[in-house]
Amino acid sequence: MFKRLIFIVLILPSLLLANPILAQDTAIQPVVHTQEVASITAADAIVEEGVLAPQKLQANVALHTLAELRQLLEQAEKIANGESQYNVTEPIAVVLHGEEIKAFIRSNYRSNKALVDLAARLDAFNVIDVKVCKRWMGANGIMENQLPPFVEAVPFGGGERDRLEQAGYAYF
């Protein structure tokens, strides 16, 4: 015990001062550059003690088909139920800016009932947040009052997707 105490008091400080790496000025540190990632995969998810780090997600609507939209909504539901590698902290943003918007027009409800009801249910439980492009709607003669109340119109779909990316939302 006495030898250990002598080592700690007398020898350890001299080793620390003799080591140039440990004795460096801590005020001089290298600059660390970070870059946000626009999409997340299972390999990118940060796991800390078995718990996934919270993430903000937006659906990557690319094909603008009803089948693609249904698949994204079903995947969002699985994410909300904890059946995926994601740990969401906010509703998943679903920005629509193409033909799929027509499914939400009230006069098309009967033919798209299952899809619209799924979206409405997910929105009601704060799983998703559906946004549609006003610019696309205007070019296609669709008025905001033709859409269900849970659908939010944004000025430009592409701009909204960019804004969400800047706010830290990743695509799934």
N, C-alpha and C. Protein backbone atom coordinates (compact mmCIF):
# COMPACT_ATOMS: atom_id res chain seq x y z
N MET A 1 0.82 -1.18 0.00
CA MET A 1 0.00 0.00 0.00
C MET A 1 0.87 1.26 0.00
N PHE A 2 1.97 1.23 0.85
CA PHE A 2 2.85 2.38 0.94
C PHE A 2 3.56 2.62 -0.38
N LYS A 3 3.97 1.55 -1.08
CA LYS A 3 4.65 1.69 -2.37
C LYS A 3 3.73 2.31 -3.40
N ARG A 4 2.46 1.92 -3.36
CA ARG A 4 1.48 2.47 -4.30
C ARG A 4 1.29 3.96 -4.06
N LEU A 5 1.24 4.37 -2.82
CA LEU A 5 1.08 5.77 -2.47
C LEU A 5 2.27 6.59 -2.94
N ILE A 6 3.50 6.06 -2.77
CA ILE A 6 4.71 6.76 -3.23
C ILE A 6 4.66 6.89 -4.75
N PHE A 7 4.23 5.84 -5.43
CA PHE A 7 4.15 5.90 -6.89
C PHE A 7 3.18 6.99 -7.33
N ILE A 8 2.03 7.04 -6.72
CA ILE A 8 1.01 8.02 -7.09
C ILE A 8 1.48 9.44 -6.80
N VAL A 9 2.10 9.65 -5.64
CA VAL A 9 2.50 11.00 -5.24
C VAL A 9 3.77 11.47 -5.94
N LEU A 10 4.78 10.62 -6.08
CA LEU A 10 6.07 11.06 -6.59
C LEU A 10 6.32 10.73 -8.06
N ILE A 11 6.00 9.55 -8.48
CA ILE A 11 6.40 9.12 -9.82
C ILE A 11 5.36 9.48 -10.88
N LEU A 12 4.09 9.32 -10.61
CA LEU A 12 3.06 9.57 -11.60
C LEU A 12 3.08 11.01 -12.13
N PRO A 13 3.21 12.05 -11.26
CA PRO A 13 3.27 13.41 -11.80
C PRO A 13 4.47 13.64 -12.74
N SER A 14 5.60 13.05 -12.42
CA SER A 14 6.77 13.24 -13.28
C SER A 14 6.56 12.55 -14.63
N LEU A 15 5.86 11.42 -14.66
CA LEU A 15 5.57 10.74 -15.92
C LEU A 15 4.62 11.56 -16.78
N LEU A 16 3.66 12.17 -16.14
CA LEU A 16 2.71 12.98 -16.89
C LEU A 16 3.38 14.21 -17.50
N LEU A 17 4.27 14.84 -16.75
CA LEU A 17 4.94 16.02 -17.26
C LEU A 17 5.98 15.66 -18.32
N ALA A 18 6.57 14.49 -18.21
CA ALA A 18 7.57 14.07 -19.18
C ALA A 18 6.94 13.65 -20.50
N ASN A 19 5.70 13.25 -20.49
CA ASN A 19 5.03 12.81 -21.70
C ASN A 19 4.51 14.04 -22.45
N PRO A 20 5.09 14.37 -23.63
CA PRO A 20 4.68 15.58 -24.33
C PRO A 20 3.23 15.53 -24.81
N ILE A 21 2.70 14.36 -25.07
CA ILE A 21 1.32 14.27 -25.55
C ILE A 21 0.36 14.62 -24.43
N LEU A 22 0.62 14.11 -23.23
CA LEU A 22 -0.27 14.40 -22.12
C LEU A 22 -0.09 15.80 -21.56
N ALA A 23 1.09 16.39 -21.76
CA ALA A 23 1.37 17.70 -21.19
C ALA A 23 1.02 18.84 -22.15
N GLN A 24 0.41 18.52 -23.29
CA GLN A 24 0.08 19.58 -24.25
C GLN A 24 -0.93 20.55 -23.65
N ASP A 25 -0.91 21.74 -24.21
CA ASP A 25 -1.87 22.76 -23.81
C ASP A 25 -3.25 22.31 -24.30
N THR A 26 -4.18 22.17 -23.38
CA THR A 26 -5.51 21.69 -23.76
C THR A 26 -6.32 22.76 -24.47
N ALA A 27 -5.87 24.00 -24.46
CA ALA A 27 -6.59 25.06 -25.15
C ALA A 27 -6.43 24.95 -26.66
N ILE A 28 -5.40 24.29 -27.12
CA ILE A 28 -5.17 24.13 -28.55
C ILE A 28 -5.73 22.78 -28.96
N GLN A 29 -6.84 22.81 -29.63
CA GLN A 29 -7.50 21.59 -30.06
C GLN A 29 -7.77 21.66 -31.56
N PRO A 30 -7.71 20.54 -32.26
CA PRO A 30 -8.02 20.56 -33.69
C PRO A 30 -9.48 20.89 -33.93
N VAL A 31 -9.75 21.53 -35.03
CA VAL A 31 -11.12 21.88 -35.39
C VAL A 31 -11.79 20.63 -35.93
N VAL A 32 -12.98 20.36 -35.44
CA VAL A 32 -13.73 19.20 -35.90
C VAL A 32 -14.86 19.70 -36.78
N HIS A 33 -14.90 19.24 -38.01
CA HIS A 33 -15.97 19.61 -38.93
C HIS A 33 -17.00 18.49 -38.96
N THR A 34 -18.27 18.87 -38.87
CA THR A 34 -19.33 17.88 -38.94
C THR A 34 -20.19 18.19 -40.16
N GLN A 35 -20.81 17.16 -40.68
CA GLN A 35 -21.69 17.32 -41.81
C GLN A 35 -22.94 16.49 -41.54
N GLU A 36 -24.12 17.09 -41.77
CA GLU A 36 -25.35 16.37 -41.54
C GLU A 36 -25.58 15.38 -42.67
N VAL A 37 -26.14 14.25 -42.30
CA VAL A 37 -26.43 13.22 -43.28
C VAL A 37 -27.89 13.33 -43.67
N ALA A 38 -28.17 13.27 -44.97
CA ALA A 38 -29.53 13.46 -45.45
C ALA A 38 -30.38 12.20 -45.35
N SER A 39 -29.78 11.04 -45.28
CA SER A 39 -30.57 9.82 -45.16
C SER A 39 -29.95 8.91 -44.13
N ILE A 40 -30.78 8.07 -43.56
CA ILE A 40 -30.33 7.19 -42.49
C ILE A 40 -30.67 5.76 -42.87
N THR A 41 -29.74 4.87 -42.65
CA THR A 41 -29.99 3.45 -42.83
C THR A 41 -29.76 2.78 -41.50
N ALA A 42 -30.03 1.50 -41.45
CA ALA A 42 -29.84 0.77 -40.19
C ALA A 42 -28.41 0.86 -39.71
N ALA A 43 -27.46 0.88 -40.65
CA ALA A 43 -26.05 0.95 -40.28
C ALA A 43 -25.69 2.31 -39.70
N ASP A 44 -26.45 3.35 -40.08
CA ASP A 44 -26.14 4.70 -39.62
C ASP A 44 -26.76 5.01 -38.27
N ALA A 45 -27.75 4.25 -37.84
CA ALA A 45 -28.43 4.55 -36.58
C ALA A 45 -27.43 4.44 -35.43
N ILE A 46 -27.44 5.42 -34.56
CA ILE A 46 -26.52 5.45 -33.44
C ILE A 46 -27.13 4.64 -32.30
N VAL A 47 -26.42 3.65 -31.83
CA VAL A 47 -26.92 2.81 -30.75
C VAL A 47 -26.05 3.06 -29.53
N GLU A 48 -26.70 3.39 -28.43
CA GLU A 48 -26.00 3.65 -27.18
C GLU A 48 -26.64 2.79 -26.11
N GLU A 49 -25.92 1.82 -25.62
CA GLU A 49 -26.40 0.89 -24.61
C GLU A 49 -27.70 0.23 -25.04
N GLY A 50 -27.79 -0.14 -26.33
CA GLY A 50 -28.95 -0.84 -26.84
C GLY A 50 -30.13 0.04 -27.19
N VAL A 51 -30.02 1.36 -27.01
CA VAL A 51 -31.12 2.27 -27.30
C VAL A 51 -30.75 3.11 -28.52
N LEU A 52 -31.65 3.18 -29.48
CA LEU A 52 -31.39 3.98 -30.67
C LEU A 52 -31.49 5.47 -30.34
N ALA A 53 -30.61 6.25 -30.95
CA ALA A 53 -30.66 7.70 -30.76
C ALA A 53 -31.92 8.25 -31.43
N PRO A 54 -32.55 9.26 -30.86
CA PRO A 54 -33.75 9.85 -31.46
C PRO A 54 -33.44 10.41 -32.85
N GLN A 55 -34.41 10.26 -33.74
CA GLN A 55 -34.24 10.73 -35.11
C GLN A 55 -35.50 11.46 -35.56
N LYS A 56 -35.32 12.38 -36.52
CA LYS A 56 -36.43 13.04 -37.18
C LYS A 56 -36.42 12.56 -38.62
N LEU A 57 -37.58 12.10 -39.12
CA LEU A 57 -37.63 11.50 -40.44
C LEU A 57 -38.63 12.19 -41.35
N GLN A 58 -38.35 12.08 -42.65
CA GLN A 58 -39.33 12.46 -43.67
C GLN A 58 -39.35 11.37 -44.72
N ALA A 59 -40.54 11.13 -45.25
CA ALA A 59 -40.72 10.09 -46.26
C ALA A 59 -40.11 10.57 -47.58
N ASN A 60 -39.43 9.67 -48.26
CA ASN A 60 -38.83 10.00 -49.55
C ASN A 60 -39.79 9.59 -50.66
N VAL A 61 -40.69 10.52 -51.03
CA VAL A 61 -41.66 10.27 -52.08
C VAL A 61 -40.98 10.56 -53.41
N ALA A 62 -40.76 9.52 -54.21
CA ALA A 62 -40.02 9.69 -55.47
C ALA A 62 -40.86 9.32 -56.68
N LEU A 63 -41.66 8.28 -56.57
CA LEU A 63 -42.40 7.79 -57.73
C LEU A 63 -43.74 8.49 -57.93
N HIS A 64 -44.28 9.07 -56.88
CA HIS A 64 -45.56 9.78 -56.92
C HIS A 64 -46.71 8.88 -57.34
N THR A 65 -46.67 7.62 -56.87
CA THR A 65 -47.76 6.69 -57.14
C THR A 65 -48.48 6.38 -55.83
N LEU A 66 -49.72 5.91 -55.95
CA LEU A 66 -50.47 5.54 -54.75
C LEU A 66 -49.86 4.32 -54.07
N ALA A 67 -49.32 3.41 -54.85
CA ALA A 67 -48.67 2.23 -54.26
C ALA A 67 -47.46 2.64 -53.43
N GLU A 68 -46.66 3.57 -53.94
CA GLU A 68 -45.50 4.05 -53.18
C GLU A 68 -45.96 4.76 -51.91
N LEU A 69 -46.99 5.59 -52.01
CA LEU A 69 -47.49 6.32 -50.85
C LEU A 69 -48.02 5.35 -49.80
N ARG A 70 -48.77 4.33 -50.22
CA ARG A 70 -49.28 3.33 -49.28
C ARG A 70 -48.11 2.64 -48.57
N GLN A 71 -47.09 2.28 -49.33
CA GLN A 71 -45.93 1.61 -48.75
C GLN A 71 -45.23 2.51 -47.72
N LEU A 72 -45.08 3.79 -48.04
CA LEU A 72 -44.44 4.72 -47.10
C LEU A 72 -45.28 4.90 -45.83
N LEU A 73 -46.61 4.96 -45.98
CA LEU A 73 -47.48 5.10 -44.81
C LEU A 73 -47.42 3.84 -43.95
N GLU A 74 -47.41 2.69 -44.57
CA GLU A 74 -47.31 1.44 -43.81
C GLU A 74 -45.96 1.35 -43.10
N GLN A 75 -44.92 1.81 -43.75
CA GLN A 75 -43.60 1.81 -43.12
C GLN A 75 -43.57 2.79 -41.94
N ALA A 76 -44.22 3.95 -42.11
CA ALA A 76 -44.30 4.92 -41.01
C ALA A 76 -45.03 4.32 -39.82
N GLU A 77 -46.07 3.54 -40.09
CA GLU A 77 -46.81 2.89 -39.01
C GLU A 77 -45.92 1.88 -38.29
N LYS A 78 -45.12 1.13 -39.03
CA LYS A 78 -44.19 0.17 -38.42
C LYS A 78 -43.15 0.89 -37.56
N ILE A 79 -42.67 2.02 -38.06
CA ILE A 79 -41.70 2.81 -37.29
C ILE A 79 -42.32 3.25 -35.97
N ALA A 80 -43.56 3.74 -36.04
CA ALA A 80 -44.25 4.20 -34.84
C ALA A 80 -44.50 3.06 -33.85
N ASN A 81 -44.68 1.86 -34.37
CA ASN A 81 -44.92 0.69 -33.52
C ASN A 81 -43.63 0.06 -33.02
N GLY A 82 -42.48 0.67 -33.36
CA GLY A 82 -41.20 0.16 -32.89
C GLY A 82 -40.72 -1.07 -33.65
N GLU A 83 -41.24 -1.27 -34.85
CA GLU A 83 -40.88 -2.45 -35.65
C GLU A 83 -39.78 -2.12 -36.67
N SER A 84 -38.91 -1.18 -36.35
CA SER A 84 -37.84 -0.81 -37.29
C SER A 84 -36.62 -0.36 -36.50
N GLN A 85 -35.59 0.04 -37.24
CA GLN A 85 -34.35 0.48 -36.63
C GLN A 85 -34.40 1.95 -36.21
N TYR A 86 -35.53 2.62 -36.45
CA TYR A 86 -35.63 4.05 -36.17
C TYR A 86 -36.23 4.32 -34.79
N ASN A 87 -35.86 5.44 -34.22
CA ASN A 87 -36.41 5.92 -32.96
C ASN A 87 -36.84 7.37 -33.22
N VAL A 88 -38.08 7.55 -33.64
CA VAL A 88 -38.53 8.89 -34.02
C VAL A 88 -38.94 9.70 -32.80
N THR A 89 -38.69 11.01 -32.90
CA THR A 89 -39.02 11.91 -31.81
C THR A 89 -40.17 12.84 -32.16
N GLU A 90 -40.46 12.95 -33.44
CA GLU A 90 -41.52 13.83 -33.92
C GLU A 90 -42.29 13.12 -35.02
N PRO A 91 -43.48 13.63 -35.38
CA PRO A 91 -44.19 12.99 -36.49
C PRO A 91 -43.32 12.96 -37.76
N ILE A 92 -43.46 11.90 -38.52
CA ILE A 92 -42.72 11.75 -39.77
C ILE A 92 -43.35 12.68 -40.80
N ALA A 93 -42.54 13.52 -41.42
CA ALA A 93 -43.03 14.44 -42.43
C ALA A 93 -43.24 13.69 -43.74
N VAL A 94 -44.41 13.86 -44.33
CA VAL A 94 -44.73 13.28 -45.63
C VAL A 94 -45.09 14.44 -46.55
N VAL A 95 -44.14 14.84 -47.38
CA VAL A 95 -44.33 15.99 -48.27
C VAL A 95 -44.71 15.45 -49.65
N LEU A 96 -45.93 15.77 -50.07
CA LEU A 96 -46.44 15.31 -51.35
C LEU A 96 -46.35 16.45 -52.36
N HIS A 97 -45.84 16.13 -53.55
CA HIS A 97 -45.70 17.18 -54.57
C HIS A 97 -45.85 16.60 -55.97
N GLY A 98 -46.86 15.74 -56.12
CA GLY A 98 -47.11 15.12 -57.41
C GLY A 98 -48.51 14.53 -57.48
N GLU A 99 -48.69 13.62 -58.43
CA GLU A 99 -50.00 13.02 -58.71
C GLU A 99 -50.67 12.39 -57.49
N GLU A 100 -49.90 11.95 -56.53
CA GLU A 100 -50.47 11.29 -55.35
C GLU A 100 -51.38 12.21 -54.55
N ILE A 101 -51.24 13.51 -54.73
CA ILE A 101 -52.10 14.48 -54.02
C ILE A 101 -53.56 14.28 -54.41
N LYS A 102 -53.80 13.88 -55.64
CA LYS A 102 -55.18 13.71 -56.12
C LYS A 102 -55.95 12.68 -55.30
N ALA A 103 -55.28 11.75 -54.67
CA ALA A 103 -55.95 10.75 -53.84
C ALA A 103 -56.66 11.40 -52.66
N PHE A 104 -56.21 12.57 -52.22
CA PHE A 104 -56.76 13.21 -51.04
C PHE A 104 -57.90 14.17 -51.36
N ILE A 105 -58.20 14.40 -52.62
CA ILE A 105 -59.33 15.26 -52.99
C ILE A 105 -60.61 14.59 -52.51
N ARG A 106 -61.47 15.37 -51.88
CA ARG A 106 -62.69 14.82 -51.29
C ARG A 106 -63.52 14.04 -52.30
N SER A 107 -63.60 14.52 -53.54
CA SER A 107 -64.40 13.82 -54.56
C SER A 107 -63.80 12.47 -54.95
N ASN A 108 -62.54 12.22 -54.61
CA ASN A 108 -61.88 10.93 -54.90
C ASN A 108 -61.84 10.01 -53.68
N TYR A 109 -62.52 10.41 -52.61
CA TYR A 109 -62.41 9.66 -51.36
C TYR A 109 -62.85 8.20 -51.50
N ARG A 110 -63.97 7.96 -52.15
CA ARG A 110 -64.48 6.59 -52.25
C ARG A 110 -63.47 5.64 -52.89
N SER A 111 -62.80 6.09 -53.93
CA SER A 111 -61.86 5.21 -54.62
C SER A 111 -60.52 5.09 -53.88
N ASN A 112 -60.26 5.98 -52.94
CA ASN A 112 -58.98 5.97 -52.19
C ASN A 112 -59.20 5.90 -50.69
N LYS A 113 -60.37 5.41 -50.28
CA LYS A 113 -60.77 5.40 -48.87
C LYS A 113 -59.72 4.76 -47.96
N ALA A 114 -59.24 3.59 -48.31
CA ALA A 114 -58.29 2.88 -47.43
C ALA A 114 -57.01 3.69 -47.24
N LEU A 115 -56.50 4.29 -48.30
CA LEU A 115 -55.27 5.08 -48.22
C LEU A 115 -55.48 6.35 -47.40
N VAL A 116 -56.56 7.07 -47.69
CA VAL A 116 -56.84 8.32 -46.98
C VAL A 116 -57.13 8.05 -45.51
N ASP A 117 -57.88 6.99 -45.22
CA ASP A 117 -58.16 6.64 -43.82
C ASP A 117 -56.89 6.27 -43.06
N LEU A 118 -55.98 5.54 -43.73
CA LEU A 118 -54.70 5.21 -43.11
C LEU A 118 -53.92 6.48 -42.79
N ALA A 119 -53.84 7.39 -43.74
CA ALA A 119 -53.12 8.66 -43.52
C ALA A 119 -53.78 9.48 -42.41
N ALA A 120 -55.11 9.52 -42.40
CA ALA A 120 -55.83 10.28 -41.37
C ALA A 120 -55.58 9.69 -39.98
N ARG A 121 -55.61 8.36 -39.89
CA ARG A 121 -55.38 7.70 -38.61
C ARG A 121 -53.95 7.96 -38.11
N LEU A 122 -52.97 7.83 -39.00
CA LEU A 122 -51.58 8.06 -38.62
C LEU A 122 -51.36 9.52 -38.22
N ASP A 123 -52.04 10.43 -38.91
CA ASP A 123 -51.93 11.85 -38.55
C ASP A 123 -52.58 12.10 -37.18
N ALA A 124 -53.72 11.49 -36.94
CA ALA A 124 -54.43 11.68 -35.67
C ALA A 124 -53.60 11.21 -34.48
N PHE A 125 -52.78 10.19 -34.69
CA PHE A 125 -51.93 9.68 -33.61
C PHE A 125 -50.53 10.28 -33.65
N ASN A 126 -50.33 11.35 -34.38
CA ASN A 126 -49.04 12.06 -34.50
C ASN A 126 -47.91 11.17 -34.98
N VAL A 127 -48.24 10.23 -35.85
CA VAL A 127 -47.22 9.39 -36.46
C VAL A 127 -46.65 10.10 -37.67
N ILE A 128 -47.53 10.75 -38.45
CA ILE A 128 -47.11 11.48 -39.65
C ILE A 128 -47.67 12.89 -39.65
N ASP A 129 -47.11 13.71 -40.50
CA ASP A 129 -47.59 15.06 -40.75
C ASP A 129 -47.61 15.23 -42.27
N VAL A 130 -48.81 15.20 -42.87
CA VAL A 130 -48.93 15.25 -44.33
C VAL A 130 -48.94 16.71 -44.80
N LYS A 131 -48.05 17.00 -45.76
CA LYS A 131 -47.95 18.33 -46.34
C LYS A 131 -48.04 18.19 -47.86
N VAL A 132 -48.73 19.13 -48.51
CA VAL A 132 -48.86 19.09 -49.96
C VAL A 132 -48.38 20.42 -50.56
N CYS A 133 -47.89 20.32 -51.79
CA CYS A 133 -47.32 21.47 -52.48
C CYS A 133 -48.41 22.34 -53.11
N LYS A 134 -48.51 23.60 -52.66
CA LYS A 134 -49.49 24.54 -53.22
C LYS A 134 -49.21 24.83 -54.69
N ARG A 135 -47.94 24.90 -55.05
CA ARG A 135 -47.58 25.19 -56.43
C ARG A 135 -48.11 24.09 -57.36
N TRP A 136 -47.90 22.83 -56.97
CA TRP A 136 -48.39 21.72 -57.78
C TRP A 136 -49.92 21.73 -57.83
N MET A 137 -50.54 22.01 -56.67
CA MET A 137 -52.00 22.06 -56.61
C MET A 137 -52.54 23.14 -57.54
N GLY A 138 -51.93 24.31 -57.52
CA GLY A 138 -52.39 25.41 -58.38
C GLY A 138 -52.27 25.06 -59.86
N ALA A 139 -51.18 24.42 -60.24
CA ALA A 139 -50.97 24.03 -61.63
C ALA A 139 -51.95 22.95 -62.07
N ASN A 140 -52.54 22.23 -61.09
CA ASN A 140 -53.47 21.15 -61.42
C ASN A 140 -54.91 21.46 -61.01
N GLY A 141 -55.19 22.71 -60.69
CA GLY A 141 -56.55 23.15 -60.39
C GLY A 141 -57.16 22.58 -59.11
N ILE A 142 -56.32 22.35 -58.12
CA ILE A 142 -56.81 21.81 -56.84
C ILE A 142 -56.77 22.91 -55.80
N MET A 143 -57.89 23.10 -55.12
CA MET A 143 -57.99 24.11 -54.06
C MET A 143 -57.78 23.44 -52.69
N GLU A 144 -57.28 24.21 -51.74
CA GLU A 144 -57.02 23.67 -50.39
C GLU A 144 -58.28 23.13 -49.74
N ASN A 145 -59.43 23.78 -50.00
CA ASN A 145 -60.68 23.34 -49.36
C ASN A 145 -61.20 22.02 -49.94
N GLN A 146 -60.55 21.48 -50.96
CA GLN A 146 -60.92 20.18 -51.51
C GLN A 146 -60.21 19.04 -50.78
N LEU A 147 -59.31 19.39 -49.89
CA LEU A 147 -58.50 18.39 -49.18
C LEU A 147 -59.00 18.24 -47.74
N PRO A 148 -58.77 17.09 -47.13
CA PRO A 148 -59.17 16.90 -45.73
C PRO A 148 -58.39 17.84 -44.80
N PRO A 149 -58.96 18.13 -43.64
CA PRO A 149 -58.33 19.09 -42.72
C PRO A 149 -56.96 18.68 -42.21
N PHE A 150 -56.64 17.38 -42.18
CA PHE A 150 -55.34 16.97 -41.65
C PHE A 150 -54.20 17.21 -42.64
N VAL A 151 -54.51 17.57 -43.88
CA VAL A 151 -53.49 17.81 -44.90
C VAL A 151 -53.14 19.30 -44.88
N GLU A 152 -51.86 19.60 -44.72
CA GLU A 152 -51.38 20.98 -44.65
C GLU A 152 -50.73 21.37 -45.98
N ALA A 153 -51.15 22.51 -46.52
CA ALA A 153 -50.55 23.01 -47.76
C ALA A 153 -49.32 23.85 -47.44
N VAL A 154 -48.24 23.60 -48.18
CA VAL A 154 -47.01 24.39 -48.05
C VAL A 154 -46.74 25.05 -49.39
N PRO A 155 -46.08 26.21 -49.42
CA PRO A 155 -45.90 26.94 -50.67
C PRO A 155 -45.24 26.13 -51.79
N PHE A 156 -44.16 25.38 -51.46
CA PHE A 156 -43.44 24.64 -52.48
C PHE A 156 -42.90 23.35 -51.86
N GLY A 157 -43.29 22.22 -52.42
CA GLY A 157 -42.90 20.92 -51.86
C GLY A 157 -41.40 20.72 -51.79
N GLY A 158 -40.70 21.06 -52.87
CA GLY A 158 -39.24 20.91 -52.88
C GLY A 158 -38.57 21.77 -51.82
N GLY A 159 -39.08 22.98 -51.64
CA GLY A 159 -38.54 23.88 -50.62
C GLY A 159 -38.80 23.35 -49.21
N GLU A 160 -39.96 22.74 -49.02
CA GLU A 160 -40.29 22.17 -47.70
C GLU A 160 -39.38 20.98 -47.39
N ARG A 161 -39.11 20.15 -48.38
CA ARG A 161 -38.20 19.02 -48.18
C ARG A 161 -36.80 19.53 -47.81
N ASP A 162 -36.34 20.57 -48.51
CA ASP A 162 -35.03 21.15 -48.20
C ASP A 162 -35.01 21.73 -46.79
N ARG A 163 -36.09 22.43 -46.42
CA ARG A 163 -36.19 23.03 -45.09
C ARG A 163 -36.12 21.94 -44.02
N LEU A 164 -36.82 20.85 -44.25
CA LEU A 164 -36.80 19.75 -43.29
C LEU A 164 -35.41 19.13 -43.18
N GLU A 165 -34.73 18.99 -44.31
CA GLU A 165 -33.35 18.48 -44.29
C GLU A 165 -32.47 19.38 -43.43
N GLN A 166 -32.59 20.68 -43.64
CA GLN A 166 -31.79 21.64 -42.86
C GLN A 166 -32.12 21.55 -41.37
N ALA A 167 -33.36 21.17 -41.06
CA ALA A 167 -33.78 21.04 -39.66
C ALA A 167 -33.39 19.69 -39.07
N GLY A 168 -32.68 18.86 -39.84
CA GLY A 168 -32.18 17.60 -39.33
C GLY A 168 -33.01 16.38 -39.65
N TYR A 169 -34.01 16.53 -40.50
CA TYR A 169 -34.82 15.39 -40.91
C TYR A 169 -34.08 14.57 -41.95
N ALA A 170 -34.07 13.26 -41.75
CA ALA A 170 -33.43 12.33 -42.68
C ALA A 170 -34.52 11.59 -43.44
N TYR A 171 -34.20 11.13 -44.63
CA TYR A 171 -35.15 10.37 -45.43
C TYR A 171 -35.15 8.90 -45.01
N PHE A 172 -36.31 8.31 -45.11
CA PHE A 172 -36.40 6.85 -44.94
C PHE A 172 -37.03 6.26 -46.15
